[in-house]
Amino acid sequence: MRSPKTALSAALGLGLAAALAAAAPVSAASPSSHQSTPASIAAYTGSAAEKADTKAFFDAVMKSATAKMKAHPGTKSVTVTYDASAAPTFKSQIAESASIWNGAVQNVKLQEGSGGDFQYKEGDDPRGSYASTDGHGKGFVFLDYKQNQEYNSTRVAAHETGHVLGLPDHYEGPCSELMSGGGPGTSCQNTQPDANERAKVDQLWANGLRGLKH
């Protein structure tokens, strides 16, 4: 857990349940050379620093997206572009995550493109998967190999993308909540945001649309 002094670089993990080493891989199996520590599947508790980083990431992405969209005043939704070139192992899960969110909300759309408003990356990290920002208008979603073997990989990607769109973690929520992350355990296969999560994202991005009209 990082201190509030490093809020703008704090990791926003999936919030994994402990003692899951015996769970069977779900999808996106990583090569045998990819190794992670037990901490990557350990419980991760939210903090004020992480919540601040979620907000910073969302603000940075919205600022970048709306700045580009001002050239199209008639737009009915803000387009957020993402670069998935640094996460080739999870290409299909990232694409499915974008499709899920594009079908769930109206005021923001995700579209792949090089040098996007944010990036996806992959690798080994003891914190598992997370979304992070440097506070200077750039952010990325990191997808951890080990975690994506233990959990539904599309759920992991969609959950972390939810942070990009402005949603905080809600680990104590049920499986039906996408932002409950790993709280419900590895048996949870839900990859869809619920009605409240969809409404919250549309509400947040309505602000971006209003900004484009001025």
Protein backbone atom coordinates (compact mmCIF):
# COMPACT_ATOMS: atom_id res chain seq x y z
CA MET A 1 0.00 0.00 0.00
CA ARG A 2 1.42 3.35 -0.96
CA SER A 3 1.15 6.53 1.05
CA PRO A 4 -1.07 9.50 0.08
CA LYS A 5 2.09 11.32 -1.02
CA THR A 6 2.22 9.07 -4.05
CA ALA A 7 -1.50 9.18 -4.81
CA LEU A 8 -0.96 10.05 -8.45
CA SER A 9 1.03 6.89 -9.01
CA ALA A 10 -0.81 4.54 -6.65
CA ALA A 11 -2.01 1.32 -8.19
CA LEU A 12 -5.70 0.50 -8.42
CA GLY A 13 -5.89 -3.26 -8.20
CA LEU A 14 -8.68 -5.68 -8.91
CA GLY A 15 -9.01 -6.45 -5.20
CA LEU A 16 -8.29 -10.15 -5.21
CA ALA A 17 -9.39 -12.72 -2.66
CA ALA A 18 -6.65 -14.51 -0.73
CA ALA A 19 -5.40 -18.09 -0.95
CA LEU A 20 -6.40 -18.80 -4.53
CA ALA A 21 -3.29 -20.61 -5.72
CA ALA A 22 -5.19 -23.82 -6.33
CA ALA A 23 -7.77 -22.21 -8.61
CA ALA A 24 -7.86 -23.43 -12.21
CA PRO A 25 -6.84 -20.98 -14.96
CA VAL A 26 -9.79 -19.27 -16.63
CA SER A 27 -8.35 -17.76 -19.79
CA ALA A 28 -5.39 -15.93 -21.31
CA ALA A 29 -2.91 -18.49 -20.03
CA SER A 30 0.57 -17.00 -19.90
CA PRO A 31 3.77 -18.67 -21.03
CA SER A 32 5.50 -20.76 -18.37
CA SER A 33 8.29 -18.19 -18.14
CA HIS A 34 5.85 -15.67 -16.70
CA GLN A 35 5.97 -15.86 -12.92
CA SER A 36 4.32 -13.81 -10.23
CA THR A 37 4.39 -13.75 -6.47
CA PRO A 38 1.54 -14.93 -4.20
CA ALA A 39 0.80 -11.26 -3.56
CA SER A 40 -0.64 -10.99 -7.06
CA ILE A 41 -3.57 -13.12 -5.92
CA ALA A 42 -3.77 -11.72 -2.38
CA ALA A 43 -6.38 -9.40 -0.93
CA TYR A 44 -5.95 -5.73 -1.87
CA THR A 45 -7.59 -3.08 0.29
CA GLY A 46 -8.73 0.23 -1.16
CA SER A 47 -7.43 3.53 0.22
CA ALA A 48 -7.96 7.25 -0.15
CA ALA A 49 -4.81 7.37 -2.27
CA GLU A 50 -6.21 4.83 -4.73
CA LYS A 51 -9.51 6.69 -4.98
CA ALA A 52 -7.63 9.89 -5.70
CA ASP A 53 -5.67 8.14 -8.44
CA THR A 54 -8.86 6.82 -10.03
CA LYS A 55 -10.19 10.36 -10.20
CA ALA A 56 -6.89 11.68 -11.59
CA PHE A 57 -6.84 9.00 -14.30
CA PHE A 58 -10.45 9.71 -15.27
CA ASP A 59 -9.85 13.48 -15.40
CA ALA A 60 -6.73 13.00 -17.54
CA VAL A 61 -8.49 10.71 -20.02
CA MET A 62 -11.53 12.99 -20.27
CA LYS A 63 -9.34 16.05 -20.82
CA SER A 64 -7.42 14.31 -23.60
CA ALA A 65 -10.54 12.92 -25.28
CA THR A 66 -12.62 16.08 -25.13
CA ALA A 67 -9.75 18.20 -26.44
CA LYS A 68 -9.62 16.08 -29.59
CA MET A 69 -13.39 15.93 -29.97
CA LYS A 70 -13.84 19.71 -29.96
CA ALA A 71 -13.11 19.54 -33.67
CA HIS A 72 -16.42 17.68 -34.04
CA PRO A 73 -19.06 19.88 -32.36
CA GLY A 74 -21.97 17.71 -33.51
CA THR A 75 -20.79 14.62 -31.65
CA LYS A 76 -23.26 12.75 -29.47
CA SER A 77 -20.60 10.91 -27.47
CA VAL A 78 -16.98 11.40 -26.48
CA THR A 79 -14.55 8.93 -28.08
CA VAL A 80 -11.72 7.65 -25.90
CA THR A 81 -8.92 6.00 -27.84
CA TYR A 82 -6.73 3.28 -26.39
CA ASP A 83 -3.44 1.70 -27.47
CA ALA A 84 -3.29 -2.06 -26.82
CA SER A 85 -0.04 -2.72 -28.69
CA ALA A 86 1.91 -3.28 -25.45
CA ALA A 87 -0.52 -5.99 -24.26
CA PRO A 88 -0.67 -8.49 -27.16
CA THR A 89 -1.44 -11.46 -24.89
CA PHE A 90 -4.76 -9.87 -23.97
CA LYS A 91 -5.75 -8.49 -27.36
CA SER A 92 -9.07 -10.34 -27.47
CA GLN A 93 -9.98 -9.55 -23.85
CA ILE A 94 -9.26 -5.86 -24.37
CA ALA A 95 -11.35 -5.78 -27.54
CA GLU A 96 -14.20 -7.56 -25.73
CA SER A 97 -13.92 -5.13 -22.83
CA ALA A 98 -14.29 -2.18 -25.21
CA SER A 99 -17.28 -3.86 -26.85
CA ILE A 100 -18.90 -4.45 -23.46
CA TRP A 101 -18.59 -0.83 -22.42
CA ASN A 102 -19.59 0.51 -25.85
CA GLY A 103 -22.78 -1.53 -25.64
CA ALA A 104 -23.48 -0.46 -22.06
CA VAL A 105 -23.16 3.33 -22.16
CA GLN A 106 -24.12 6.18 -24.49
CA ASN A 107 -22.00 9.22 -23.64
CA VAL A 108 -18.53 7.75 -24.17
CA LYS A 109 -17.15 5.24 -26.67
CA LEU A 110 -13.89 3.30 -26.64
CA GLN A 111 -11.91 2.97 -29.87
CA GLU A 112 -8.52 1.38 -30.53
CA GLY A 113 -5.83 3.64 -31.95
CA SER A 114 -2.06 4.08 -31.67
CA GLY A 115 -0.95 6.71 -29.20
CA GLY A 116 -4.35 6.66 -27.53
CA ASP A 117 -5.72 8.57 -24.59
CA PHE A 118 -4.48 5.66 -22.47
CA GLN A 119 -2.56 2.41 -22.95
CA TYR A 120 -2.81 -1.22 -21.93
CA LYS A 121 0.35 -3.00 -20.76
CA GLU A 122 1.05 -6.56 -19.61
CA GLY A 123 3.56 -8.34 -17.42
CA ASP A 124 4.18 -9.64 -13.89
CA ASP A 125 3.41 -7.42 -10.92
CA PRO A 126 2.91 -8.47 -7.27
CA ARG A 127 -0.01 -6.03 -7.08
CA GLY A 128 -1.91 -7.83 -9.83
CA SER A 129 -3.76 -5.79 -12.47
CA TYR A 130 -4.35 -2.08 -11.95
CA ALA A 131 -4.98 1.29 -13.55
CA SER A 132 -2.55 4.12 -12.90
CA THR A 133 -1.71 7.67 -13.96
CA ASP A 134 1.33 9.88 -13.70
CA GLY A 135 -0.82 12.96 -13.19
CA HIS A 136 0.40 14.53 -16.44
CA GLY A 137 -2.40 13.52 -18.77
CA LYS A 138 -1.24 9.96 -19.39
CA GLY A 139 -2.42 6.72 -17.89
CA PHE A 140 -2.33 2.99 -18.46
CA VAL A 141 -4.07 -0.25 -17.53
CA PHE A 142 -1.66 -2.99 -16.47
CA LEU A 143 -2.80 -6.61 -16.89
CA ASP A 144 -0.97 -9.13 -14.71
CA TYR A 145 -0.34 -12.61 -16.13
CA LYS A 146 -0.97 -14.59 -12.95
CA GLN A 147 -4.15 -12.77 -12.03
CA ASN A 148 -5.57 -13.29 -15.49
CA GLN A 149 -5.08 -17.04 -15.08
CA GLU A 150 -6.92 -17.10 -11.76
CA TYR A 151 -9.84 -14.85 -12.74
CA ASN A 152 -12.06 -14.39 -15.78
CA SER A 153 -9.65 -12.38 -17.92
CA THR A 154 -12.33 -10.38 -19.72
CA ARG A 155 -13.77 -9.38 -16.33
CA VAL A 156 -10.31 -8.21 -15.26
CA ALA A 157 -9.91 -6.06 -18.37
CA ALA A 158 -13.44 -4.66 -18.19
CA HIS A 159 -13.05 -3.91 -14.48
CA GLU A 160 -9.81 -2.00 -14.98
CA THR A 161 -11.32 -0.16 -17.95
CA GLY A 162 -14.12 0.87 -15.60
CA HIS A 163 -11.50 2.88 -13.68
CA VAL A 164 -10.57 4.68 -16.89
CA LEU A 165 -14.22 5.64 -17.28
CA GLY A 166 -14.37 7.00 -13.74
CA LEU A 167 -15.66 4.14 -11.55
CA PRO A 168 -14.04 3.33 -8.19
CA ASP A 169 -13.55 -0.15 -6.72
CA HIS A 170 -16.39 -1.65 -4.70
CA TYR A 171 -14.86 -4.91 -3.50
CA GLU A 172 -17.68 -5.69 -1.08
CA GLY A 173 -20.23 -5.74 -3.89
CA PRO A 174 -21.77 -8.88 -5.45
CA CYS A 175 -20.60 -10.65 -8.61
CA SER A 176 -23.26 -8.73 -10.56
CA GLU A 177 -21.22 -5.56 -9.98
CA LEU A 178 -18.26 -5.34 -12.34
CA MET A 179 -16.40 -3.02 -9.98
CA SER A 180 -16.54 -5.58 -7.16
CA GLY A 181 -13.53 -7.01 -8.97
CA GLY A 182 -12.07 -10.04 -7.25
CA GLY A 183 -14.22 -9.63 -4.15
CA PRO A 184 -16.72 -12.38 -5.12
CA GLY A 185 -13.90 -14.83 -5.84
CA THR A 186 -12.67 -16.72 -8.90
CA SER A 187 -16.04 -18.36 -9.50
CA CYS A 188 -17.49 -15.00 -10.60
CA GLN A 189 -17.74 -14.95 -14.39
CA ASN A 190 -19.76 -11.74 -14.84
CA THR A 191 -18.14 -9.37 -17.35
CA GLN A 192 -20.96 -6.80 -17.57
CA PRO A 193 -21.44 -3.56 -15.60
CA ASP A 194 -24.75 -3.42 -13.78
CA ALA A 195 -27.42 -0.74 -14.30
CA ASN A 196 -26.01 1.55 -11.59
CA GLU A 197 -22.50 1.35 -13.01
CA ARG A 198 -23.74 2.08 -16.53
CA ALA A 199 -25.75 5.08 -15.32
CA LYS A 200 -22.79 6.44 -13.35
CA VAL A 201 -20.47 6.33 -16.38
CA ASP A 202 -23.04 8.08 -18.56
CA GLN A 203 -23.51 10.71 -15.87
CA LEU A 204 -19.76 11.32 -15.57
CA TRP A 205 -19.24 11.60 -19.33
CA ALA A 206 -22.24 13.87 -19.82
CA ASN A 207 -19.96 16.51 -18.31
CA GLY A 208 -17.54 15.96 -21.16
CA LEU A 209 -20.30 16.40 -23.72
CA ARG A 210 -21.41 19.64 -22.10
CA GLY A 211 -17.83 20.84 -22.27
CA LEU A 212 -17.70 20.16 -26.00
CA LYS A 213 -20.76 22.31 -26.60
CA HIS A 214 -19.22 25.42 -25.10
